[in-house]
């Protein structure tokens, strides 16, 4: 069976062709998803620009007509708010995502992502899990079916690969295992071992593959078990050789433990569960980085940042305005990682 996991080229083709199909779907949600994903890839942005402009003007005319006549738009409130923000500045003000190194970290200017709804990631509370809420936002919502890149059996388990609506890494997908089981965002041992194995196995055809995971309380935004898939040419900052956890000489500013064995990793994760300790994970072939950290909302954030989830804890930064993008330096990033992770340093 041919799947998007057969090669980087096939994954890219599936990714791009699915976005082109989505542009023809009704509703603002599909348009916003395509726009955000296109703006993260310069080649894709050029390829889709004429169709995106056409869809924007059609949506703008329809929303103006509905609002001007005092009628409901028929759109989800989150999507309508994002579109109204976009209409206020115009899509030309967005630009393709810009990226630069602030060694040893990396930073991107991703204005459209600042428009996204916070959902569960804005919540502050105790514990490390909450029950699945069938009435809340989750990946079984019917309108999300059209946002699926691929669905099928992978390594003996049913999975769905969806687009991330507001991407911040290359080929950013959401892998939802056994979505019909309606599992909350709480990692069980069998799913940890499953992700470990498919990361190892799929990396044979997809070099640069990895998965990120946010626990509840560590800026998970959807309470439905999922892992964030990505493909990178360069390693994440957390994976660079000079850090202690990779055998180097420099201490990582946040608490970061590397495990090269899935059982040892699970024993540590299970201890975090027992302590109700929030954490982020980054799975790479043959290893996982575990970053225990302060609970979201526990520490007053620096003025320049929003949430620190797996990508930020792994050394990436998303700036929502040009001043921050151009002005932030490595020391500020390091200090924020230290503040978020200092309580859990070994």
C-alpha atoms as a PDB file:
ATOM      1  CA  UNK A   1       0.000   0.000   0.000  1.00  0.00           C
ATOM      2  CA  UNK A   2       1.322   3.427  -0.982  1.00  0.00           C
ATOM      3  CA  UNK A   3       1.385   5.897   1.932  1.00  0.00           C
ATOM      4  CA  UNK A   4       2.768   9.406   2.539  1.00  0.00           C
ATOM      5  CA  UNK A   5       5.393   7.762   4.762  1.00  0.00           C
ATOM      6  CA  UNK A   6       7.149   6.052   1.844  1.00  0.00           C
ATOM      7  CA  UNK A   7       9.527   8.955   1.101  1.00  0.00           C
ATOM      8  CA  UNK A   8       9.973  12.687   1.766  1.00  0.00           C
ATOM      9  CA  UNK A   9       8.820  13.401  -1.792  1.00  0.00           C
ATOM     10  CA  UNK A  10       5.629  11.408  -1.347  1.00  0.00           C
ATOM     11  CA  UNK A  11       4.892  13.128   1.970  1.00  0.00           C
ATOM     12  CA  UNK A  12       5.449  16.549   0.382  1.00  0.00           C
ATOM     13  CA  UNK A  13       3.224  15.648  -2.574  1.00  0.00           C
ATOM     14  CA  UNK A  14       0.449  14.395  -0.301  1.00  0.00           C
ATOM     15  CA  UNK A  15       0.787  17.511   1.817  1.00  0.00           C
ATOM     16  CA  UNK A  16       0.614  19.928  -1.143  1.00  0.00           C
ATOM     17  CA  UNK A  17      -2.117  18.142  -3.106  1.00  0.00           C
ATOM     18  CA  UNK A  18      -4.282  17.913  -0.006  1.00  0.00           C
ATOM     19  CA  UNK A  19      -3.973  21.664   0.526  1.00  0.00           C
ATOM     20  CA  UNK A  20      -4.999  22.328  -3.074  1.00  0.00           C
ATOM     21  CA  UNK A  21      -8.112  20.204  -2.591  1.00  0.00           C
ATOM     22  CA  UNK A  22      -8.904  21.951   0.681  1.00  0.00           C
ATOM     23  CA  UNK A  23      -8.982  25.330  -1.053  1.00  0.00           C
ATOM     24  CA  UNK A  24     -12.173  24.216  -2.795  1.00  0.00           C
ATOM     25  CA  UNK A  25     -13.833  23.244   0.485  1.00  0.00           C
ATOM     26  CA  UNK A  26     -16.489  25.590   1.862  1.00  0.00           C
ATOM     27  CA  UNK A  27     -15.967  27.556   5.057  1.00  0.00           C
ATOM     28  CA  UNK A  28     -13.301  29.781   6.548  1.00  0.00           C
ATOM     29  CA  UNK A  29     -11.584  27.000   8.492  1.00  0.00           C
ATOM     30  CA  UNK A  30     -10.238  25.260   5.381  1.00  0.00           C
ATOM     31  CA  UNK A  31      -9.066  28.555   3.872  1.00  0.00           C
ATOM     32  CA  UNK A  32      -7.219  29.581   7.056  1.00  0.00           C
ATOM     33  CA  UNK A  33      -5.518  26.174   7.299  1.00  0.00           C
ATOM     34  CA  UNK A  34      -4.328  26.315   3.675  1.00  0.00           C
ATOM     35  CA  UNK A  35      -3.129  29.896   4.050  1.00  0.00           C
ATOM     36  CA  UNK A  36      -1.158  29.170   7.242  1.00  0.00           C
ATOM     37  CA  UNK A  37       0.483  26.073   5.767  1.00  0.00           C
ATOM     38  CA  UNK A  38       1.300  27.827   2.507  1.00  0.00           C
ATOM     39  CA  UNK A  39       2.912  30.753   4.309  1.00  0.00           C
ATOM     40  CA  UNK A  40       5.248  28.354   6.110  1.00  0.00           C
ATOM     41  CA  UNK A  41       6.756  27.180   2.800  1.00  0.00           C
ATOM     42  CA  UNK A  42       7.862  29.733   0.214  1.00  0.00           C
ATOM     43  CA  UNK A  43       7.506  27.346  -2.747  1.00  0.00           C
ATOM     44  CA  UNK A  44       4.046  26.312  -1.631  1.00  0.00           C
ATOM     45  CA  UNK A  45       3.049  29.951  -1.114  1.00  0.00           C
ATOM     46  CA  UNK A  46       3.984  30.814  -4.711  1.00  0.00           C
ATOM     47  CA  UNK A  47       2.178  27.739  -6.027  1.00  0.00           C
ATOM     48  CA  UNK A  48      -1.056  28.505  -4.185  1.00  0.00           C
ATOM     49  CA  UNK A  49      -1.013  32.317  -4.217  1.00  0.00           C
ATOM     50  CA  UNK A  50      -3.495  32.900  -7.110  1.00  0.00           C
ATOM     51  CA  UNK A  51      -6.024  30.449  -5.705  1.00  0.00           C
ATOM     52  CA  UNK A  52      -5.590  31.819  -2.170  1.00  0.00           C
ATOM     53  CA  UNK A  53      -6.238  35.379  -3.358  1.00  0.00           C
ATOM     54  CA  UNK A  54      -9.355  34.276  -5.189  1.00  0.00           C
ATOM     55  CA  UNK A  55     -10.706  32.411  -2.166  1.00  0.00           C
ATOM     56  CA  UNK A  56      -9.948  35.316   0.172  1.00  0.00           C
ATOM     57  CA  UNK A  57     -11.930  37.771  -1.949  1.00  0.00           C
ATOM     58  CA  UNK A  58     -14.851  35.353  -2.221  1.00  0.00           C
ATOM     59  CA  UNK A  59     -14.912  34.759   1.546  1.00  0.00           C
ATOM     60  CA  UNK A  60     -14.580  38.485   2.251  1.00  0.00           C
ATOM     61  CA  UNK A  61     -17.531  39.350   0.019  1.00  0.00           C
ATOM     62  CA  UNK A  62     -19.668  36.633   1.584  1.00  0.00           C
ATOM     63  CA  UNK A  63     -18.844  37.605   5.183  1.00  0.00           C
ATOM     64  CA  UNK A  64     -19.466  41.294   4.462  1.00  0.00           C
ATOM     65  CA  UNK A  65     -22.823  40.478   2.911  1.00  0.00           C
ATOM     66  CA  UNK A  66     -23.897  38.283   5.821  1.00  0.00           C
ATOM     67  CA  UNK A  67     -22.792  40.705   8.512  1.00  0.00           C
ATOM     68  CA  UNK A  68     -24.128  43.715   6.636  1.00  0.00           C
ATOM     69  CA  UNK A  69     -27.574  42.154   6.400  1.00  0.00           C
ATOM     70  CA  UNK A  70     -27.641  41.226  10.089  1.00  0.00           C
ATOM     71  CA  UNK A  71     -27.470  37.494   9.457  1.00  0.00           C
ATOM     72  CA  UNK A  72     -25.319  34.767  10.980  1.00  0.00           C
ATOM     73  CA  UNK A  73     -22.230  33.857   8.982  1.00  0.00           C
ATOM     74  CA  UNK A  74     -22.567  30.137   9.594  1.00  0.00           C
ATOM     75  CA  UNK A  75     -18.873  30.001  10.529  1.00  0.00           C
ATOM     76  CA  UNK A  76     -17.268  28.675  13.690  1.00  0.00           C
ATOM     77  CA  UNK A  77     -16.600  31.595  16.071  1.00  0.00           C
ATOM     78  CA  UNK A  78     -12.862  30.828  16.214  1.00  0.00           C
ATOM     79  CA  UNK A  79     -12.547  30.822  12.419  1.00  0.00           C
ATOM     80  CA  UNK A  80     -14.594  33.987  12.058  1.00  0.00           C
ATOM     81  CA  UNK A  81     -12.426  35.830  14.576  1.00  0.00           C
ATOM     82  CA  UNK A  82      -9.214  34.745  12.809  1.00  0.00           C
ATOM     83  CA  UNK A  83     -10.613  35.836   9.441  1.00  0.00           C
ATOM     84  CA  UNK A  84     -11.742  39.219  10.780  1.00  0.00           C
ATOM     85  CA  UNK A  85      -8.224  39.806  12.148  1.00  0.00           C
ATOM     86  CA  UNK A  86      -6.825  38.844   8.764  1.00  0.00           C
ATOM     87  CA  UNK A  87      -9.262  41.177   6.970  1.00  0.00           C
ATOM     88  CA  UNK A  88      -8.271  44.032   9.294  1.00  0.00           C
ATOM     89  CA  UNK A  89      -4.634  43.949   8.126  1.00  0.00           C
ATOM     90  CA  UNK A  90      -5.059  42.313   4.712  1.00  0.00           C
ATOM     91  CA  UNK A  91      -3.414  39.019   3.702  1.00  0.00           C
ATOM     92  CA  UNK A  92      -0.531  40.829   1.980  1.00  0.00           C
ATOM     93  CA  UNK A  93       0.658  42.038   5.403  1.00  0.00           C
ATOM     94  CA  UNK A  94       1.410  38.491   6.526  1.00  0.00           C
ATOM     95  CA  UNK A  95       4.287  37.399   4.332  1.00  0.00           C
ATOM     96  CA  UNK A  96       5.997  34.016   4.300  1.00  0.00           C
ATOM     97  CA  UNK A  97       7.351  32.848   7.666  1.00  0.00           C
ATOM     98  CA  UNK A  98      10.873  34.169   8.208  1.00  0.00           C
ATOM     99  CA  UNK A  99      13.519  32.230  10.145  1.00  0.00           C
ATOM    100  CA  UNK A 100      16.956  32.928  11.548  1.00  0.00           C
ATOM    101  CA  UNK A 101      19.416  31.417  13.998  1.00  0.00           C
ATOM    102  CA  UNK A 102      20.189  33.000  17.353  1.00  0.00           C
ATOM    103  CA  UNK A 103      22.720  30.305  18.158  1.00  0.00           C
ATOM    104  CA  UNK A 104      22.291  27.902  19.767  1.00  0.00           C
ATOM    105  CA  UNK A 105      18.568  28.629  19.322  1.00  0.00           C
ATOM    106  CA  UNK A 106      16.316  29.365  16.346  1.00  0.00           C
ATOM    107  CA  UNK A 107      13.553  31.923  15.875  1.00  0.00           C
ATOM    108  CA  UNK A 108      10.765  32.458  13.358  1.00  0.00           C
ATOM    109  CA  UNK A 109       8.461  35.387  12.565  1.00  0.00           C
ATOM    110  CA  UNK A 110       5.014  33.800  12.223  1.00  0.00           C
ATOM    111  CA  UNK A 111       2.365  36.531  12.401  1.00  0.00           C
ATOM    112  CA  UNK A 112      -0.624  34.419  11.382  1.00  0.00           C
ATOM    113  CA  UNK A 113      -0.027  31.992  14.243  1.00  0.00           C
ATOM    114  CA  UNK A 114      -0.645  34.869  16.660  1.00  0.00           C
ATOM    115  CA  UNK A 115      -4.281  34.874  15.469  1.00  0.00           C
ATOM    116  CA  UNK A 116      -4.979  31.285  16.529  1.00  0.00           C
ATOM    117  CA  UNK A 117      -7.428  30.482  19.357  1.00  0.00           C
ATOM    118  CA  UNK A 118      -5.819  29.400  22.624  1.00  0.00           C
ATOM    119  CA  UNK A 119      -8.236  26.554  23.435  1.00  0.00           C
ATOM    120  CA  UNK A 120      -6.959  24.345  26.282  1.00  0.00           C
ATOM    121  CA  UNK A 121      -3.440  25.838  26.172  1.00  0.00           C
ATOM    122  CA  UNK A 122      -4.740  28.983  27.909  1.00  0.00           C
ATOM    123  CA  UNK A 123      -6.139  27.007  30.822  1.00  0.00           C
ATOM    124  CA  UNK A 124      -4.453  27.032  34.206  1.00  0.00           C
ATOM    125  CA  UNK A 125      -5.158  24.251  36.667  1.00  0.00           C
ATOM    126  CA  UNK A 126      -3.727  21.424  38.696  1.00  0.00           C
ATOM    127  CA  UNK A 127      -3.248  17.816  37.720  1.00  0.00           C
ATOM    128  CA  UNK A 128      -1.871  16.344  34.545  1.00  0.00           C
ATOM    129  CA  UNK A 129      -5.036  14.980  32.958  1.00  0.00           C
ATOM    130  CA  UNK A 130      -8.695  15.786  32.504  1.00  0.00           C
ATOM    131  CA  UNK A 131     -11.407  13.525  31.074  1.00  0.00           C
ATOM    132  CA  UNK A 132     -12.101  13.568  27.354  1.00  0.00           C
ATOM    133  CA  UNK A 133     -14.944  15.984  26.647  1.00  0.00           C
ATOM    134  CA  UNK A 134     -17.134  14.907  23.711  1.00  0.00           C
ATOM    135  CA  UNK A 135     -18.679  18.383  23.645  1.00  0.00           C
ATOM    136  CA  UNK A 136     -15.325  20.181  23.489  1.00  0.00           C
ATOM    137  CA  UNK A 137     -12.927  20.551  20.593  1.00  0.00           C
ATOM    138  CA  UNK A 138     -11.520  17.179  19.468  1.00  0.00           C
ATOM    139  CA  UNK A 139     -10.411  15.386  16.317  1.00  0.00           C
ATOM    140  CA  UNK A 140     -13.680  13.513  15.776  1.00  0.00           C
ATOM    141  CA  UNK A 141     -15.518  16.684  14.791  1.00  0.00           C
ATOM    142  CA  UNK A 142     -17.066  16.057  11.340  1.00  0.00           C
ATOM    143  CA  UNK A 143     -15.621  19.228   9.806  1.00  0.00           C
ATOM    144  CA  UNK A 144     -12.085  17.973  10.526  1.00  0.00           C
ATOM    145  CA  UNK A 145     -12.470  14.998   8.175  1.00  0.00           C
ATOM    146  CA  UNK A 146     -11.570  17.209   5.237  1.00  0.00           C
ATOM    147  CA  UNK A 147      -8.382  18.303   7.050  1.00  0.00           C
ATOM    148  CA  UNK A 148      -6.998  14.748   7.062  1.00  0.00           C
ATOM    149  CA  UNK A 149      -3.863  14.114   5.009  1.00  0.00           C
ATOM    150  CA  UNK A 150      -4.051  10.345   5.396  1.00  0.00           C
ATOM    151  CA  UNK A 151      -5.930   7.735   7.437  1.00  0.00           C
ATOM    152  CA  UNK A 152      -5.224   4.047   7.678  1.00  0.00           C
ATOM    153  CA  UNK A 153      -3.367   1.355   9.552  1.00  0.00           C
ATOM    154  CA  UNK A 154       0.201   2.135  10.563  1.00  0.00           C
ATOM    155  CA  UNK A 155       2.271  -0.525  12.320  1.00  0.00           C
ATOM    156  CA  UNK A 156      -0.911  -2.432  13.137  1.00  0.00           C
ATOM    157  CA  UNK A 157      -2.842   0.475  14.675  1.00  0.00           C
ATOM    158  CA  UNK A 158      -5.432   2.829  13.138  1.00  0.00           C
ATOM    159  CA  UNK A 159      -4.135   6.388  12.846  1.00  0.00           C
ATOM    160  CA  UNK A 160      -5.147   9.657  11.242  1.00  0.00           C
ATOM    161  CA  UNK A 161      -2.661  12.256  10.059  1.00  0.00           C
ATOM    162  CA  UNK A 162      -4.176  15.736  10.022  1.00  0.00           C
ATOM    163  CA  UNK A 163      -2.770  19.104   9.080  1.00  0.00           C
ATOM    164  CA  UNK A 164      -1.722  21.420  11.854  1.00  0.00           C
ATOM    165  CA  UNK A 165      -3.888  24.483  11.270  1.00  0.00           C
ATOM    166  CA  UNK A 166      -1.171  26.924  12.359  1.00  0.00           C
ATOM    167  CA  UNK A 167       2.156  25.147  11.626  1.00  0.00           C
ATOM    168  CA  UNK A 168       5.509  26.078  13.134  1.00  0.00           C
ATOM    169  CA  UNK A 169       7.702  23.227  11.830  1.00  0.00           C
ATOM    170  CA  UNK A 170       8.168  21.791   8.333  1.00  0.00           C
ATOM    171  CA  UNK A 171       5.534  19.313   7.122  1.00  0.00           C
ATOM    172  CA  UNK A 172       3.721  19.763  10.404  1.00  0.00           C
ATOM    173  CA  UNK A 173       1.051  17.126  10.943  1.00  0.00           C
ATOM    174  CA  UNK A 174      -1.015  15.855  13.852  1.00  0.00           C
ATOM    175  CA  UNK A 175      -0.877  12.084  14.279  1.00  0.00           C
ATOM    176  CA  UNK A 176      -4.020  10.936  16.097  1.00  0.00           C
ATOM    177  CA  UNK A 177      -3.881   7.242  17.086  1.00  0.00           C
ATOM    178  CA  UNK A 178      -7.165   5.327  17.266  1.00  0.00           C
ATOM    179  CA  UNK A 179      -9.133   8.576  17.232  1.00  0.00           C
ATOM    180  CA  UNK A 180     -12.495   6.827  17.632  1.00  0.00           C
ATOM    181  CA  UNK A 181     -11.410   5.638  21.094  1.00  0.00           C
ATOM    182  CA  UNK A 182     -11.592   9.276  22.244  1.00  0.00           C
ATOM    183  CA  UNK A 183      -8.541   9.119  24.475  1.00  0.00           C
ATOM    184  CA  UNK A 184      -7.605  12.254  26.407  1.00  0.00           C
ATOM    185  CA  UNK A 185      -4.170  13.868  26.070  1.00  0.00           C
ATOM    186  CA  UNK A 186      -2.603  11.586  28.639  1.00  0.00           C
ATOM    187  CA  UNK A 187       0.212   9.296  27.554  1.00  0.00           C
ATOM    188  CA  UNK A 188      -0.141   5.579  28.246  1.00  0.00           C
ATOM    189  CA  UNK A 189       2.801   3.190  28.059  1.00  0.00           C
ATOM    190  CA  UNK A 190       1.580   1.383  24.955  1.00  0.00           C
ATOM    191  CA  UNK A 191       1.266   4.638  22.995  1.00  0.00           C
ATOM    192  CA  UNK A 192       4.676   5.783  24.185  1.00  0.00           C
ATOM    193  CA  UNK A 193       6.169   2.521  22.923  1.00  0.00           C
ATOM    194  CA  UNK A 194       4.182   2.788  19.694  1.00  0.00           C
ATOM    195  CA  UNK A 195       5.471   6.284  18.894  1.00  0.00           C
ATOM    196  CA  UNK A 196       8.995   5.199  19.802  1.00  0.00           C
ATOM    197  CA  UNK A 197       8.772   2.312  17.324  1.00  0.00           C
ATOM    198  CA  UNK A 198       7.205   4.188  14.407  1.00  0.00           C
ATOM    199  CA  UNK A 199       9.691   7.053  14.828  1.00  0.00           C
ATOM    200  CA  UNK A 200      12.499   4.513  14.489  1.00  0.00           C
ATOM    201  CA  UNK A 201      10.889   2.561  11.638  1.00  0.00           C
ATOM    202  CA  UNK A 202       9.572   5.473   9.550  1.00  0.00           C
ATOM    203  CA  UNK A 203      12.900   7.291   9.767  1.00  0.00           C
ATOM    204  CA  UNK A 204      14.267   4.695   7.336  1.00  0.00           C
ATOM    205  CA  UNK A 205      12.179   6.278   4.576  1.00  0.00           C
ATOM    206  CA  UNK A 206      11.703   9.725   6.158  1.00  0.00           C
ATOM    207  CA  UNK A 207      15.069  11.093   7.334  1.00  0.00           C
ATOM    208  CA  UNK A 208      14.628  14.001   9.723  1.00  0.00           C
ATOM    209  CA  UNK A 209      11.380  12.614  11.160  1.00  0.00           C
ATOM    210  CA  UNK A 210      10.318  13.405  14.705  1.00  0.00           C
ATOM    211  CA  UNK A 211       7.281  13.766  16.949  1.00  0.00           C
ATOM    212  CA  UNK A 212       6.530  16.314  19.645  1.00  0.00           C
ATOM    213  CA  UNK A 213       4.177  15.757  22.577  1.00  0.00           C
ATOM    214  CA  UNK A 214       2.687  18.213  25.075  1.00  0.00           C
ATOM    215  CA  UNK A 215       1.181  16.917  28.286  1.00  0.00           C
ATOM    216  CA  UNK A 216      -1.802  18.587  29.884  1.00  0.00           C
ATOM    217  CA  UNK A 217      -0.424  21.592  31.767  1.00  0.00           C
ATOM    218  CA  UNK A 218       2.478  21.913  29.304  1.00  0.00           C
ATOM    219  CA  UNK A 219       0.534  23.812  26.617  1.00  0.00           C
ATOM    220  CA  UNK A 220      -1.356  20.948  25.025  1.00  0.00           C
ATOM    221  CA  UNK A 221      -4.137  22.708  23.116  1.00  0.00           C
ATOM    222  CA  UNK A 222      -6.477  19.765  22.370  1.00  0.00           C
ATOM    223  CA  UNK A 223      -7.553  17.140  24.925  1.00  0.00           C
ATOM    224  CA  UNK A 224      -7.538  14.289  22.412  1.00  0.00           C
ATOM    225  CA  UNK A 225      -4.450  12.077  22.270  1.00  0.00           C
ATOM    226  CA  UNK A 226      -2.161  13.293  19.486  1.00  0.00           C
ATOM    227  CA  UNK A 227       1.493  13.715  18.549  1.00  0.00           C
ATOM    228  CA  UNK A 228       2.932  16.478  16.390  1.00  0.00           C
ATOM    229  CA  UNK A 229       4.819  15.076  13.416  1.00  0.00           C
ATOM    230  CA  UNK A 230       7.549  17.006  11.595  1.00  0.00           C
ATOM    231  CA  UNK A 231      10.385  16.561   9.122  1.00  0.00           C
ATOM    232  CA  UNK A 232      13.552  18.647   9.447  1.00  0.00           C
ATOM    233  CA  UNK A 233      16.759  19.005   7.465  1.00  0.00           C
ATOM    234  CA  UNK A 234      18.647  20.384  10.486  1.00  0.00           C
ATOM    235  CA  UNK A 235      18.413  19.012  14.041  1.00  0.00           C
ATOM    236  CA  UNK A 236      16.372  20.805  16.660  1.00  0.00           C
ATOM    237  CA  UNK A 237      18.563  22.825  19.036  1.00  0.00           C
ATOM    238  CA  UNK A 238      17.890  20.320  21.847  1.00  0.00           C
ATOM    239  CA  UNK A 239      19.448  17.585  19.702  1.00  0.00           C
ATOM    240  CA  UNK A 240      22.761  19.362  19.135  1.00  0.00           C
ATOM    241  CA  UNK A 241      25.912  17.600  20.302  1.00  0.00           C
ATOM    242  CA  UNK A 242      27.281  20.221  22.700  1.00  0.00           C
ATOM    243  CA  UNK A 243      24.610  19.704  25.409  1.00  0.00           C
ATOM    244  CA  UNK A 244      25.263  17.540  28.462  1.00  0.00           C
ATOM    245  CA  UNK A 245      22.340  15.263  27.665  1.00  0.00           C
ATOM    246  CA  UNK A 246      23.937  14.452  24.282  1.00  0.00           C
ATOM    247  CA  UNK A 247      27.394  13.804  25.715  1.00  0.00           C
ATOM    248  CA  UNK A 248      28.674  17.363  25.336  1.00  0.00           C
ATOM    249  CA  UNK A 249      30.044  19.834  27.859  1.00  0.00           C
ATOM    250  CA  UNK A 250      27.334  22.503  28.052  1.00  0.00           C
ATOM    251  CA  UNK A 251      24.335  22.288  30.431  1.00  0.00           C
ATOM    252  CA  UNK A 252      20.917  22.784  28.880  1.00  0.00           C
ATOM    253  CA  UNK A 253      19.142  25.702  30.592  1.00  0.00           C
ATOM    254  CA  UNK A 254      15.924  23.743  31.213  1.00  0.00           C
ATOM    255  CA  UNK A 255      15.544  20.268  32.682  1.00  0.00           C
ATOM    256  CA  UNK A 256      16.183  17.882  29.790  1.00  0.00           C
ATOM    257  CA  UNK A 257      16.799  14.156  30.060  1.00  0.00           C
ATOM    258  CA  UNK A 258      17.639  12.007  27.046  1.00  0.00           C
ATOM    259  CA  UNK A 259      16.612   8.356  26.963  1.00  0.00           C
ATOM    260  CA  UNK A 260      17.934   5.872  24.430  1.00  0.00           C
ATOM    261  CA  UNK A 261      15.756   3.062  25.745  1.00  0.00           C
ATOM    262  CA  UNK A 262      11.926   3.153  25.674  1.00  0.00           C
ATOM    263  CA  UNK A 263      11.520   1.288  28.968  1.00  0.00           C
ATOM    264  CA  UNK A 264      13.806   3.664  30.869  1.00  0.00           C
ATOM    265  CA  UNK A 265      12.000   6.598  29.312  1.00  0.00           C
ATOM    266  CA  UNK A 266       8.649   5.207  30.385  1.00  0.00           C
ATOM    267  CA  UNK A 267       9.773   4.717  33.972  1.00  0.00           C
ATOM    268  CA  UNK A 268      10.664   8.400  34.108  1.00  0.00           C
ATOM    269  CA  UNK A 269       7.428   9.510  32.423  1.00  0.00           C
ATOM    270  CA  UNK A 270       5.428   7.363  34.825  1.00  0.00           C
ATOM    271  CA  UNK A 271       7.145   9.061  37.757  1.00  0.00           C
ATOM    272  CA  UNK A 272       6.154  12.429  36.308  1.00  0.00           C
ATOM    273  CA  UNK A 273       2.563  11.211  36.053  1.00  0.00           C
ATOM    274  CA  UNK A 274       2.577  10.122  39.680  1.00  0.00           C
ATOM    275  CA  UNK A 275       3.806  13.576  40.701  1.00  0.00           C
ATOM    276  CA  UNK A 276       1.339  15.327  38.339  1.00  0.00           C
ATOM    277  CA  UNK A 277       4.367  17.027  36.773  1.00  0.00           C
ATOM    278  CA  UNK A 278       3.797  18.637  33.340  1.00  0.00           C
ATOM    279  CA  UNK A 279       6.310  17.786  30.622  1.00  0.00           C
ATOM    280  CA  UNK A 280       7.080  17.951  26.924  1.00  0.00           C
ATOM    281  CA  UNK A 281       8.585  15.178  24.801  1.00  0.00           C
ATOM    282  CA  UNK A 282      10.524  15.125  21.542  1.00  0.00           C
ATOM    283  CA  UNK A 283      10.791  11.696  19.890  1.00  0.00           C
ATOM    284  CA  UNK A 284      13.641  11.193  17.431  1.00  0.00           C
ATOM    285  CA  UNK A 285      14.850   7.861  16.007  1.00  0.00           C
ATOM    286  CA  UNK A 286      16.223   5.766  18.878  1.00  0.00           C
ATOM    287  CA  UNK A 287      15.789   8.426  21.560  1.00  0.00           C
ATOM    288  CA  UNK A 288      13.370  10.698  23.319  1.00  0.00           C
ATOM    289  CA  UNK A 289      14.018  13.996  25.095  1.00  0.00           C
ATOM    290  CA  UNK A 290      11.908  14.555  28.199  1.00  0.00           C
ATOM    291  CA  UNK A 291      11.582  18.146  29.410  1.00  0.00           C
ATOM    292  CA  UNK A 292       9.802  18.501  32.742  1.00  0.00           C
ATOM    293  CA  UNK A 293       8.837  22.076  33.438  1.00  0.00           C
ATOM    294  CA  UNK A 294       6.733  24.582  35.323  1.00  0.00           C
ATOM    295  CA  UNK A 295       3.008  24.293  34.740  1.00  0.00           C
ATOM    296  CA  UNK A 296       1.609  26.771  32.235  1.00  0.00           C
ATOM    297  CA  UNK A 297       0.543  29.929  34.035  1.00  0.00           C
ATOM    298  CA  UNK A 298       2.714  29.173  37.058  1.00  0.00           C
ATOM    299  CA  UNK A 299       5.457  31.588  35.995  1.00  0.00           C
ATOM    300  CA  UNK A 300       4.755  35.073  34.652  1.00  0.00           C
ATOM    301  CA  UNK A 301       5.933  34.967  31.019  1.00  0.00           C
ATOM    302  CA  UNK A 302       8.377  37.405  29.516  1.00  0.00           C
ATOM    303  CA  UNK A 303       6.623  40.145  27.549  1.00  0.00           C
ATOM    304  CA  UNK A 304       7.816  38.706  24.242  1.00  0.00           C
ATOM    305  CA  UNK A 305       6.494  35.174  24.556  1.00  0.00           C
ATOM    306  CA  UNK A 306       3.211  33.300  24.670  1.00  0.00           C
ATOM    307  CA  UNK A 307       3.178  29.605  25.542  1.00  0.00           C
ATOM    308  CA  UNK A 308       6.271  27.422  25.727  1.00  0.00           C
ATOM    309  CA  UNK A 309       5.303  23.990  24.399  1.00  0.00           C
ATOM    310  CA  UNK A 310       7.499  21.168  23.013  1.00  0.00           C
ATOM    311  CA  UNK A 311       9.030  23.247  20.208  1.00  0.00           C
ATOM    312  CA  UNK A 312      10.005  26.132  22.449  1.00  0.00           C
ATOM    313  CA  UNK A 313      11.341  23.822  25.148  1.00  0.00           C
ATOM    314  CA  UNK A 314      13.420  22.156  22.412  1.00  0.00           C
ATOM    315  CA  UNK A 315      15.040  25.491  21.514  1.00  0.00           C
ATOM    316  CA  UNK A 316      12.723  27.116  18.973  1.00  0.00           C
ATOM    317  CA  UNK A 317      10.996  30.452  19.368  1.00  0.00           C
ATOM    318  CA  UNK A 318       7.977  31.892  17.560  1.00  0.00           C
ATOM    319  CA  UNK A 319       7.844  35.687  17.367  1.00  0.00           C
ATOM    320  CA  UNK A 320       4.557  37.403  16.594  1.00  0.00           C
ATOM    321  CA  UNK A 321       5.964  40.825  15.760  1.00  0.00           C
ATOM    322  CA  UNK A 322       8.987  42.014  13.818  1.00  0.00           C
ATOM    323  CA  UNK A 323      10.549  43.895  16.727  1.00  0.00           C
ATOM    324  CA  UNK A 324      10.813  40.698  18.757  1.00  0.00           C
ATOM    325  CA  UNK A 325      11.962  38.688  15.757  1.00  0.00           C
ATOM    326  CA  UNK A 326      14.801  41.059  14.990  1.00  0.00           C
ATOM    327  CA  UNK A 327      15.666  42.071  18.546  1.00  0.00           C
ATOM    328  CA  UNK A 328      15.574  38.934  20.679  1.00  0.00           C
ATOM    329  CA  UNK A 329      18.910  37.376  21.495  1.00  0.00           C
ATOM    330  CA  UNK A 330      20.204  34.021  22.710  1.00  0.00           C
ATOM    331  CA  UNK A 331      20.498  35.192  26.308  1.00  0.00           C
ATOM    332  CA  UNK A 332      16.804  36.057  26.573  1.00  0.00           C
ATOM    333  CA  UNK A 333      15.797  32.670  25.199  1.00  0.00           C
ATOM    334  CA  UNK A 334      18.183  30.875  27.550  1.00  0.00           C
ATOM    335  CA  UNK A 335      16.902  32.784  30.581  1.00  0.00           C
ATOM    336  CA  UNK A 336      13.271  31.959  29.756  1.00  0.00           C
ATOM    337  CA  UNK A 337      14.093  28.268  29.417  1.00  0.00           C
ATOM    338  CA  UNK A 338      15.889  28.429  32.740  1.00  0.00           C
ATOM    339  CA  UNK A 339      12.905  30.085  34.443  1.00  0.00           C
ATOM    340  CA  UNK A 340      10.461  27.504  33.124  1.00  0.00           C
ATOM    341  CA  UNK A 341      12.640  24.517  33.940  1.00  0.00           C
ATOM    342  CA  UNK A 342      14.667  25.499  36.992  1.00  0.00           C
ATOM    343  CA  UNK A 343      12.490  23.751  39.617  1.00  0.00           C
ATOM    344  CA  UNK A 344      13.019  20.417  37.925  1.00  0.00           C
ATOM    345  CA  UNK A 345      16.738  20.576  37.287  1.00  0.00           C
ATOM    346  CA  UNK A 346      18.486  17.410  38.532  1.00  0.00           C
END
